[in-house]
C-alpha atoms as a PDB file:
ATOM      1  CA  MET A   1      87.884  -9.718-194.342  1.00  0.00           C
ATOM      2  CA  ASP A   2      86.176  -8.347-197.436  1.00  0.00           C
ATOM      3  CA  SER A   3      84.895  -4.885-196.580  1.00  0.00           C
ATOM      4  CA  SER A   4      82.037  -5.301-199.011  1.00  0.00           C
ATOM      5  CA  LYS A   5      80.846  -8.390-197.134  1.00  0.00           C
ATOM      6  CA  GLY A   6      81.006  -6.532-193.838  1.00  0.00           C
ATOM      7  CA  SER A   7      78.982  -3.696-195.292  1.00  0.00           C
ATOM      8  CA  SER A   8      76.532  -6.196-196.686  1.00  0.00           C
ATOM      9  CA  LYS A   9      76.061  -7.749-193.229  1.00  0.00           C
ATOM     10  CA  GLU A  10      75.466  -4.428-191.533  1.00  0.00           C
ATOM     11  CA  GLY A  11      73.211  -3.333-194.345  1.00  0.00           C
ATOM     12  CA  GLY A  12      71.368  -6.637-194.104  1.00  0.00           C
ATOM     13  CA  GLU A  13      70.675  -6.153-190.397  1.00  0.00           C
ATOM     14  CA  PHE A  14      69.315  -2.671-191.047  1.00  0.00           C
ATOM     15  CA  SER A  15      67.256  -3.943-193.952  1.00  0.00           C
ATOM     16  CA  ASP A  16      65.771  -6.784-191.892  1.00  0.00           C
ATOM     17  CA  SER A  17      64.761  -4.363-189.138  1.00  0.00           C
ATOM     18  CA  ALA A  18      63.155  -1.987-191.614  1.00  0.00           C
ATOM     19  CA  GLU A  19      61.372  -4.856-193.289  1.00  0.00           C
ATOM     20  CA  PHE A  20      60.101  -6.006-189.883  1.00  0.00           C
ATOM     21  CA  HIS A  21      58.576  -2.565-189.264  1.00  0.00           C
ATOM     22  CA  GLU A  22      57.003  -2.425-192.704  1.00  0.00           C
ATOM     23  CA  SER A  23      55.448  -5.882-192.399  1.00  0.00           C
ATOM     24  CA  LYS A  24      53.364  -5.061-189.344  1.00  0.00           C
ATOM     25  CA  SER A  25      50.066  -6.893-189.436  1.00  0.00           C
ATOM     26  CA  ASP A  26      46.640  -5.262-189.551  1.00  0.00           C
ATOM     27  CA  ASP A  27      45.645  -7.683-186.798  1.00  0.00           C
ATOM     28  CA  PRO A  28      45.822  -5.652-183.541  1.00  0.00           C
ATOM     29  CA  LYS A  29      46.901  -8.665-181.485  1.00  0.00           C
ATOM     30  CA  LEU A  30      49.665  -9.634-183.879  1.00  0.00           C
ATOM     31  CA  GLN A  31      50.760  -6.025-184.134  1.00  0.00           C
ATOM     32  CA  ALA A  32      50.973  -5.808-180.343  1.00  0.00           C
ATOM     33  CA  LEU A  33      53.187  -8.912-180.291  1.00  0.00           C
ATOM     34  CA  GLN A  34      55.446  -7.397-182.919  1.00  0.00           C
ATOM     35  CA  GLU A  35      55.749  -4.181-180.941  1.00  0.00           C
ATOM     36  CA  TYR A  36      56.449  -6.133-177.747  1.00  0.00           C
ATOM     37  CA  HIS A  37      59.220  -8.027-179.556  1.00  0.00           C
ATOM     38  CA  LEU A  38      60.956  -4.727-180.271  1.00  0.00           C
ATOM     39  CA  LEU A  39      60.833  -3.464-176.687  1.00  0.00           C
ATOM     40  CA  PRO A  40      64.065  -3.211-174.668  1.00  0.00           C
ATOM     41  CA  ALA A  41      64.652  -6.035-172.185  1.00  0.00           C
ATOM     42  CA  SER A  42      64.118  -3.698-169.221  1.00  0.00           C
ATOM     43  CA  VAL A  43      60.648  -2.718-170.475  1.00  0.00           C
ATOM     44  CA  LYS A  44      59.722  -6.340-171.175  1.00  0.00           C
ATOM     45  CA  ARG A  45      60.665  -7.122-167.576  1.00  0.00           C
ATOM     46  CA  ARG A  46      58.223  -4.469-166.330  1.00  0.00           C
ATOM     47  CA  VAL A  47      55.500  -5.822-168.608  1.00  0.00           C
ATOM     48  CA  ARG A  48      55.959  -9.237-167.000  1.00  0.00           C
ATOM     49  CA  ALA A  49      55.458  -7.579-163.610  1.00  0.00           C
ATOM     50  CA  LEU A  50      52.183  -6.082-164.860  1.00  0.00           C
ATOM     51  CA  LYS A  51      51.024  -9.492-166.071  1.00  0.00           C
ATOM     52  CA  LYS A  52      51.669 -10.931-162.643  1.00  0.00           C
ATOM     53  CA  LEU A  53      49.643  -8.103-161.086  1.00  0.00           C
ATOM     54  CA  GLN A  54      46.836  -8.738-163.560  1.00  0.00           C
ATOM     55  CA  HIS A  55      46.834 -12.390-162.536  1.00  0.00           C
ATOM     56  CA  GLU A  56      46.391 -11.265-158.924  1.00  0.00           C
ATOM     57  CA  THR A  57      43.274  -9.303-159.924  1.00  0.00           C
ATOM     58  CA  LEU A  58      41.880 -12.430-161.596  1.00  0.00           C
ATOM     59  CA  LYS A  59      42.329 -14.341-158.339  1.00  0.00           C
ATOM     60  CA  ILE A  60      40.335 -11.629-156.583  1.00  0.00           C
ATOM     61  CA  ASP A  61      37.646 -11.868-159.274  1.00  0.00           C
ATOM     62  CA  SER A  62      37.442 -15.629-158.745  1.00  0.00           C
ATOM     63  CA  GLU A  63      36.943 -15.145-155.000  1.00  0.00           C
ATOM     64  CA  PHE A  64      34.296 -12.513-155.723  1.00  0.00           C
ATOM     65  CA  TYR A  65      32.300 -14.844-157.986  1.00  0.00           C
ATOM     66  CA  LYS A  66      32.413 -17.595-155.358  1.00  0.00           C
ATOM     67  CA  GLU A  67      31.096 -15.297-152.638  1.00  0.00           C
ATOM     68  CA  LEU A  68      28.520 -13.822-155.014  1.00  0.00           C
ATOM     69  CA  PHE A  69      27.099 -17.281-155.686  1.00  0.00           C
ATOM     70  CA  GLU A  70      26.977 -18.019-151.958  1.00  0.00           C
ATOM     71  CA  LEU A  71      25.072 -14.761-151.465  1.00  0.00           C
ATOM     72  CA  GLU A  72      22.698 -15.679-154.285  1.00  0.00           C
ATOM     73  CA  ALA A  73      22.046 -19.043-152.627  1.00  0.00           C
ATOM     74  CA  LYS A  74      21.292 -17.267-149.338  1.00  0.00           C
ATOM     75  CA  TYR A  75      18.643 -15.033-150.897  1.00  0.00           C
ATOM     76  CA  ASP A  76      17.271 -17.888-152.977  1.00  0.00           C
ATOM     77  CA  VAL A  77      15.536 -19.143-149.820  1.00  0.00           C
ATOM     78  CA  LYS A  78      13.425 -15.974-149.865  1.00  0.00           C
ATOM     79  CA  HIS A  79      12.839 -16.285-153.590  1.00  0.00           C
ATOM     80  CA  GLN A  80      11.453 -19.793-153.185  1.00  0.00           C
ATOM     81  CA  LEU A  81       8.763 -18.561-150.784  1.00  0.00           C
ATOM     82  CA  VAL A  82       7.561 -16.115-153.430  1.00  0.00           C
ATOM     83  CA  PHE A  83       7.809 -18.722-156.186  1.00  0.00           C
ATOM     84  CA  LYS A  84       5.632 -21.096-154.123  1.00  0.00           C
ATOM     85  CA  LYS A  85       2.876 -18.467-154.055  1.00  0.00           C
ATOM     86  CA  ARG A  86       3.306 -17.946-157.788  1.00  0.00           C
ATOM     87  CA  ARG A  87       2.842 -21.642-158.444  1.00  0.00           C
ATOM     88  CA  ASP A  88      -0.326 -21.693-156.325  1.00  0.00           C
ATOM     89  CA  VAL A  89      -1.838 -18.786-158.258  1.00  0.00           C
ATOM     90  CA  VAL A  90      -0.871 -20.211-161.659  1.00  0.00           C
ATOM     91  CA  SER A  91      -2.272 -23.652-160.825  1.00  0.00           C
ATOM     92  CA  GLY A  92      -5.449 -22.220-159.330  1.00  0.00           C
ATOM     93  CA  SER A  93      -4.949 -23.880-155.954  1.00  0.00           C
ATOM     94  CA  ILE A  94      -5.448 -20.466-154.344  1.00  0.00           C
ATOM     95  CA  GLU A  95      -7.334 -17.353-155.428  1.00  0.00           C
ATOM     96  CA  PRO A  96      -5.417 -14.129-154.663  1.00  0.00           C
ATOM     97  CA  ASN A  97      -7.266 -11.610-152.502  1.00  0.00           C
ATOM     98  CA  ASP A  98      -7.837  -7.952-153.361  1.00  0.00           C
ATOM     99  CA  GLU A  99      -4.692  -6.802-151.582  1.00  0.00           C
ATOM    100  CA  GLU A 100      -2.560  -9.334-153.455  1.00  0.00           C
ATOM    101  CA  CYS A 101      -4.064  -8.108-156.741  1.00  0.00           C
ATOM    102  CA  ASP A 102      -3.405  -4.451-155.973  1.00  0.00           C
ATOM    103  CA  TRP A 103      -1.313  -3.716-159.046  1.00  0.00           C
ATOM    104  CA  PRO A 104      -1.945  -1.406-162.031  1.00  0.00           C
ATOM    105  CA  THR A 105      -4.053  -3.118-164.691  1.00  0.00           C
ATOM    106  CA  ASP A 106      -3.030  -3.351-168.317  1.00  0.00           C
ATOM    107  CA  ASP A 107      -5.535  -0.587-169.076  1.00  0.00           C
ATOM    108  CA  ASP A 108      -3.513   1.743-166.831  1.00  0.00           C
ATOM    109  CA  ASP A 109      -0.377   1.187-168.893  1.00  0.00           C
ATOM    110  CA  SER A 110      -0.062   4.073-171.353  1.00  0.00           C
ATOM    111  CA  CYS A 111       2.302   1.993-173.474  1.00  0.00           C
ATOM    112  CA  LEU A 112      -0.592  -0.313-174.338  1.00  0.00           C
ATOM    113  CA  ASP A 113      -3.112   2.378-175.264  1.00  0.00           C
ATOM    114  CA  ASN A 114      -2.471   2.211-178.995  1.00  0.00           C
ATOM    115  CA  LEU A 115      -2.471  -1.575-178.988  1.00  0.00           C
ATOM    116  CA  SER A 116      -5.743  -1.656-177.058  1.00  0.00           C
ATOM    117  CA  GLU A 117      -7.409   0.661-179.545  1.00  0.00           C
ATOM    118  CA  ARG A 118      -6.277  -1.485-182.469  1.00  0.00           C
ATOM    119  CA  LEU A 119      -7.523  -4.634-180.770  1.00  0.00           C
ATOM    120  CA  LYS A 120     -10.893  -3.059-180.045  1.00  0.00           C
ATOM    121  CA  SER A 121     -11.264  -2.066-183.681  1.00  0.00           C
ATOM    122  CA  THR A 122     -10.524  -5.558-184.987  1.00  0.00           C
ATOM    123  CA  ALA A 123     -11.967  -7.823-182.302  1.00  0.00           C
ATOM    124  CA  ASN A 124     -15.598  -8.288-181.342  1.00  0.00           C
ATOM    125  CA  VAL A 125     -15.202  -7.833-177.610  1.00  0.00           C
ATOM    126  CA  THR A 126     -18.510  -7.958-175.715  1.00  0.00           C
ATOM    127  CA  LYS A 127     -19.347  -6.839-172.222  1.00  0.00           C
ATOM    128  CA  GLU A 128     -20.019 -10.441-171.331  1.00  0.00           C
ATOM    129  CA  ALA A 129     -16.430 -11.322-172.244  1.00  0.00           C
ATOM    130  CA  ASN A 130     -14.997  -8.422-170.246  1.00  0.00           C
ATOM    131  CA  ASN A 131     -17.165  -9.156-167.216  1.00  0.00           C
ATOM    132  CA  GLU A 132     -17.046 -12.919-167.022  1.00  0.00           C
ATOM    133  CA  ASP A 133     -18.936 -14.924-164.446  1.00  0.00           C
ATOM    134  CA  PRO A 134     -16.906 -15.015-161.204  1.00  0.00           C
ATOM    135  CA  GLN A 135     -17.847 -18.688-160.970  1.00  0.00           C
ATOM    136  CA  SER A 136     -16.016 -19.360-164.246  1.00  0.00           C
ATOM    137  CA  GLU A 137     -14.628 -22.870-164.578  1.00  0.00           C
ATOM    138  CA  ILE A 138     -11.234 -21.515-165.646  1.00  0.00           C
ATOM    139  CA  LYS A 139      -8.678 -22.236-162.914  1.00  0.00           C
ATOM    140  CA  GLY A 140      -5.491 -20.297-162.414  1.00  0.00           C
ATOM    141  CA  ILE A 141      -3.728 -19.031-165.543  1.00  0.00           C
ATOM    142  CA  PRO A 142      -4.010 -21.533-168.421  1.00  0.00           C
ATOM    143  CA  ASP A 143      -0.855 -22.252-170.450  1.00  0.00           C
ATOM    144  CA  PHE A 144       1.144 -19.825-168.306  1.00  0.00           C
ATOM    145  CA  TRP A 145       4.502 -21.556-168.730  1.00  0.00           C
ATOM    146  CA  LEU A 146       3.995 -22.290-172.428  1.00  0.00           C
ATOM    147  CA  LYS A 147       3.412 -18.587-173.046  1.00  0.00           C
ATOM    148  CA  THR A 148       6.372 -17.717-170.811  1.00  0.00           C
ATOM    149  CA  LEU A 149       8.736 -19.928-172.811  1.00  0.00           C
ATOM    150  CA  GLN A 150       7.403 -18.488-176.054  1.00  0.00           C
ATOM    151  CA  ASN A 151       8.469 -15.053-174.822  1.00  0.00           C
ATOM    152  CA  ILE A 152      12.017 -16.146-173.977  1.00  0.00           C
ATOM    153  CA  SER A 153      14.078 -16.028-177.171  1.00  0.00           C
ATOM    154  CA  LEU A 154      16.431 -18.803-176.043  1.00  0.00           C
ATOM    155  CA  PHE A 155      13.555 -21.264-175.660  1.00  0.00           C
ATOM    156  CA  ASP A 156      11.142 -19.961-178.288  1.00  0.00           C
ATOM    157  CA  GLU A 157      13.685 -20.794-180.979  1.00  0.00           C
ATOM    158  CA  ILE A 158      13.619 -24.478-180.034  1.00  0.00           C
ATOM    159  CA  VAL A 159       9.907 -24.922-179.232  1.00  0.00           C
ATOM    160  CA  GLN A 160       8.301 -26.744-182.160  1.00  0.00           C
ATOM    161  CA  GLU A 161       4.621 -26.964-183.028  1.00  0.00           C
ATOM    162  CA  HIS A 162       4.479 -30.589-181.842  1.00  0.00           C
ATOM    163  CA  ASP A 163       5.902 -29.496-178.451  1.00  0.00           C
ATOM    164  CA  ARG A 164       3.161 -27.009-177.631  1.00  0.00           C
ATOM    165  CA  ASP A 165       0.468 -29.447-176.531  1.00  0.00           C
ATOM    166  CA  ILE A 166       2.942 -31.121-174.167  1.00  0.00           C
ATOM    167  CA  LEU A 167       4.077 -27.790-172.725  1.00  0.00           C
ATOM    168  CA  LYS A 168       0.473 -26.990-171.835  1.00  0.00           C
ATOM    169  CA  HIS A 169       1.018 -29.564-169.066  1.00  0.00           C
ATOM    170  CA  LEU A 170       4.041 -27.656-167.696  1.00  0.00           C
ATOM    171  CA  VAL A 171       2.946 -26.406-164.267  1.00  0.00           C
ATOM    172  CA  ASP A 172       6.169 -25.002-162.792  1.00  0.00           C
ATOM    173  CA  ILE A 173       9.861 -24.348-163.398  1.00  0.00           C
ATOM    174  CA  LYS A 174      12.368 -24.225-160.556  1.00  0.00           C
ATOM    175  CA  CYS A 175      16.051 -23.388-160.358  1.00  0.00           C
ATOM    176  CA  VAL A 176      17.862 -25.211-157.552  1.00  0.00           C
ATOM    177  CA  LEU A 177      21.306 -23.841-156.657  1.00  0.00           C
ATOM    178  CA  HIS A 178      24.141 -26.180-155.606  1.00  0.00           C
ATOM    179  CA  THR A 179      26.961 -24.865-153.438  1.00  0.00           C
ATOM    180  CA  GLY A 180      29.986 -26.684-152.022  1.00  0.00           C
ATOM    181  CA  ASP A 181      32.502 -28.812-153.895  1.00  0.00           C
ATOM    182  CA  SER A 182      30.339 -29.181-157.031  1.00  0.00           C
ATOM    183  CA  PRO A 183      28.821 -25.736-157.599  1.00  0.00           C
ATOM    184  CA  GLY A 184      26.101 -25.351-160.175  1.00  0.00           C
ATOM    185  CA  PHE A 185      22.353 -25.338-160.568  1.00  0.00           C
ATOM    186  CA  THR A 186      19.522 -27.594-161.694  1.00  0.00           C
ATOM    187  CA  LEU A 187      16.547 -26.527-163.797  1.00  0.00           C
ATOM    188  CA  GLU A 188      13.457 -28.535-162.844  1.00  0.00           C
ATOM    189  CA  PHE A 189      10.421 -28.646-165.145  1.00  0.00           C
ATOM    190  CA  TYR A 190       7.269 -29.975-163.439  1.00  0.00           C
ATOM    191  CA  PHE A 191       4.451 -31.513-165.487  1.00  0.00           C
ATOM    192  CA  SER A 192       0.891 -32.547-164.747  1.00  0.00           C
ATOM    193  CA  PRO A 193      -0.138 -36.111-165.764  1.00  0.00           C
ATOM    194  CA  ASN A 194      -0.266 -36.361-169.552  1.00  0.00           C
ATOM    195  CA  LYS A 195      -0.420 -38.882-172.383  1.00  0.00           C
ATOM    196  CA  TYR A 196       3.130 -38.203-173.591  1.00  0.00           C
ATOM    197  CA  PHE A 197       5.478 -39.365-170.810  1.00  0.00           C
ATOM    198  CA  THR A 198       5.357 -40.673-167.263  1.00  0.00           C
ATOM    199  CA  ASN A 199       7.906 -38.297-165.675  1.00  0.00           C
ATOM    200  CA  ASP A 200       6.566 -35.831-163.124  1.00  0.00           C
ATOM    201  CA  VAL A 201       9.670 -33.683-163.463  1.00  0.00           C
ATOM    202  CA  LEU A 202      12.379 -33.259-166.108  1.00  0.00           C
ATOM    203  CA  THR A 203      15.776 -31.922-165.048  1.00  0.00           C
ATOM    204  CA  LYS A 204      18.970 -30.493-166.454  1.00  0.00           C
ATOM    205  CA  THR A 205      21.959 -29.755-164.227  1.00  0.00           C
ATOM    206  CA  TYR A 206      24.819 -27.388-164.985  1.00  0.00           C
ATOM    207  CA  TYR A 207      28.194 -27.573-163.219  1.00  0.00           C
ATOM    208  CA  PHE A 208      30.665 -24.723-163.363  1.00  0.00           C
ATOM    209  CA  ASN A 209      34.247 -24.003-162.448  1.00  0.00           C
ATOM    210  CA  TYR A 210      35.642 -20.856-160.812  1.00  0.00           C
ATOM    211  CA  GLU A 211      39.306 -21.678-161.379  1.00  0.00           C
ATOM    212  CA  ILE A 212      41.538 -19.561-163.614  1.00  0.00           C
ATOM    213  CA  PRO A 213      42.784 -21.584-166.637  1.00  0.00           C
ATOM    214  CA  LYS A 214      46.477 -22.330-166.184  1.00  0.00           C
ATOM    215  CA  ASP A 215      47.166 -22.568-169.918  1.00  0.00           C
ATOM    216  CA  ASP A 216      45.434 -19.258-170.747  1.00  0.00           C
ATOM    217  CA  PRO A 217      44.841 -17.289-167.523  1.00  0.00           C
ATOM    218  CA  PHE A 218      44.023 -13.974-169.188  1.00  0.00           C
ATOM    219  CA  SER A 219      41.037 -15.501-170.980  1.00  0.00           C
ATOM    220  CA  TYR A 220      39.259 -15.757-167.616  1.00  0.00           C
ATOM    221  CA  GLU A 221      35.889 -13.980-167.641  1.00  0.00           C
ATOM    222  CA  GLY A 222      34.235 -15.593-164.646  1.00  0.00           C
ATOM    223  CA  PRO A 223      32.670 -18.952-163.789  1.00  0.00           C
ATOM    224  CA  GLU A 224      32.627 -21.350-166.716  1.00  0.00           C
ATOM    225  CA  ILE A 225      30.041 -24.052-167.334  1.00  0.00           C
ATOM    226  CA  VAL A 226      32.080 -27.209-167.843  1.00  0.00           C
ATOM    227  CA  ARG A 227      29.518 -30.005-167.715  1.00  0.00           C
ATOM    228  CA  THR A 228      25.789 -30.620-168.087  1.00  0.00           C
ATOM    229  CA  VAL A 229      23.667 -33.595-167.077  1.00  0.00           C
ATOM    230  CA  GLY A 230      20.232 -34.151-168.577  1.00  0.00           C
ATOM    231  CA  CYS A 231      17.641 -36.781-167.763  1.00  0.00           C
ATOM    232  CA  VAL A 232      15.871 -39.736-169.339  1.00  0.00           C
ATOM    233  CA  ILE A 233      12.351 -39.027-170.579  1.00  0.00           C
ATOM    234  CA  TYR A 234      10.086 -42.062-170.267  1.00  0.00           C
ATOM    235  CA  TRP A 235       7.932 -41.620-173.338  1.00  0.00           C
ATOM    236  CA  ASN A 236       4.702 -43.499-173.765  1.00  0.00           C
ATOM    237  CA  PRO A 237       4.553 -45.702-176.900  1.00  0.00           C
ATOM    238  CA  GLY A 238       4.265 -43.637-180.054  1.00  0.00           C
ATOM    239  CA  LYS A 239       4.473 -40.293-178.207  1.00  0.00           C
ATOM    240  CA  ASN A 240       8.187 -39.480-178.450  1.00  0.00           C
ATOM    241  CA  VAL A 241       8.336 -36.144-180.280  1.00  0.00           C
ATOM    242  CA  THR A 242      12.160 -36.116-180.384  1.00  0.00           C
ATOM    243  CA  VAL A 243      12.263 -38.822-183.044  1.00  0.00           C
ATOM    244  CA  LYS A 244      10.285 -39.621-186.155  1.00  0.00           C
ATOM    245  CA  LEU A 245       9.977 -42.908-187.988  1.00  0.00           C
ATOM    246  CA  VAL A 246      11.044 -42.866-191.615  1.00  0.00           C
ATOM    247  CA  LYS A 247      10.176 -45.750-193.920  1.00  0.00           C
ATOM    248  CA  LYS A 248      12.542 -46.555-196.740  1.00  0.00           C
ATOM    249  CA  VAL A 249      12.133 -49.166-199.462  1.00  0.00           C
ATOM    250  CA  GLN A 250      15.291 -51.174-200.084  1.00  0.00           C
ATOM    251  CA  LYS A 251      15.884 -53.382-203.105  1.00  0.00           C
ATOM    252  CA  ARG A 252      17.999 -56.490-202.771  1.00  0.00           C
ATOM    253  CA  LYS A 253      21.004 -56.771-205.080  1.00  0.00           C
ATOM    254  CA  SER A 254      20.005 -60.223-206.224  1.00  0.00           C
ATOM    255  CA  GLY A 255      16.525 -61.237-207.224  1.00  0.00           C
ATOM    256  CA  GLY A 256      15.059 -57.754-207.219  1.00  0.00           C
ATOM    257  CA  ALA A 257      13.085 -58.371-204.036  1.00  0.00           C
ATOM    258  CA  LYS A 258      12.102 -55.290-202.050  1.00  0.00           C
ATOM    259  CA  ARG A 259      11.704 -54.694-198.376  1.00  0.00           C
ATOM    260  CA  THR A 260      10.573 -51.764-196.269  1.00  0.00           C
ATOM    261  CA  VAL A 261      12.916 -50.637-193.501  1.00  0.00           C
ATOM    262  CA  THR A 262      11.781 -48.331-190.686  1.00  0.00           C
ATOM    263  CA  LYS A 263      14.433 -46.040-189.235  1.00  0.00           C
ATOM    264  CA  SER A 264      14.306 -43.628-186.287  1.00  0.00           C
ATOM    265  CA  VAL A 265      15.536 -40.127-187.136  1.00  0.00           C
ATOM    266  CA  ARG A 266      16.187 -37.311-184.653  1.00  0.00           C
ATOM    267  CA  GLU A 267      13.462 -34.655-184.752  1.00  0.00           C
ATOM    268  CA  ASP A 268      13.817 -31.017-183.715  1.00  0.00           C
ATOM    269  CA  SER A 269      12.087 -30.554-180.375  1.00  0.00           C
ATOM    270  CA  PHE A 270      12.214 -28.525-177.181  1.00  0.00           C
ATOM    271  CA  PHE A 271      12.642 -31.799-175.314  1.00  0.00           C
ATOM    272  CA  ASN A 272      16.067 -32.372-176.863  1.00  0.00           C
ATOM    273  CA  PHE A 273      17.095 -29.732-174.311  1.00  0.00           C
ATOM    274  CA  PHE A 274      17.211 -32.509-171.718  1.00  0.00           C
ATOM    275  CA  SER A 275      19.755 -34.498-173.731  1.00  0.00           C
ATOM    276  CA  PRO A 276      23.123 -33.018-172.696  1.00  0.00           C
ATOM    277  CA  PRO A 277      25.676 -32.054-175.366  1.00  0.00           C
ATOM    278  CA  ALA A 278      29.034 -33.759-175.674  1.00  0.00           C
ATOM    279  CA  GLN A 279      31.222 -33.430-172.579  1.00  0.00           C
ATOM    280  CA  GLY A 280      33.625 -30.543-172.572  1.00  0.00           C
ATOM    281  CA  MET A 281      31.185 -27.899-173.758  1.00  0.00           C
ATOM    282  CA  CYS A 282      32.122 -24.616-172.118  1.00  0.00           C
ATOM    283  CA  LEU A 283      29.903 -21.572-171.859  1.00  0.00           C
ATOM    284  CA  TYR A 284      30.340 -18.320-170.014  1.00  0.00           C
ATOM    285  CA  PHE A 285      27.329 -16.916-168.183  1.00  0.00           C
END
């Protein structure tokens, strides 16, 4: 055998190893894989043992999330009693007594002092406005849920100007939890009679999965929303704010005759929320 060839082979192996070290990626994950590749077999074996232990902790996490949801459902019964009272106050079906109103007023909040002073300097607030007639015709808290949604960033981003008048008819929002074989929850939006649609309630249901993904177990971060189900909104004629009619003039190829075609185009609206996305959407919560 040619000694120069043998030296070349040994030198080549050394060179390849050195080149491997020098070509380490700036990507931390890729770098970790490269370092793992260089580990002795005995160390790799121990790493596999650690991965199996980590998988055991994920199983415990999955059990924890299941029991946590069951506990949440248990206490939700108490929540609903409070939410019923809230709905009654908002709608004006009951008037809270003095004890129920025993809570610091906005004027007692030092954080609002500066804002109050600025408002007083720019607004013409009269004593009559501050001391309104107790027999006022205003019932409950007008536009409570519209204002609530406007202060939730997730919803405020999708509420359009043409949605606001409809949302003034929103009288309550409920979250119904589902346990058992199909865990999840349903958001229920209750509306007073209005000129826009005939539904009394609009719903959207979310289903989630506790199982650890078999193809990528270490990506598990908790329950995963795997499916959503919306509802059909029964719009009154000409009141559907989720679509707009666009008229387009078309010219025939022969003869030059023209015709006007009306086409429905999707419009940005809060009420698109009730149209579920394509199946397979996954979100962590």
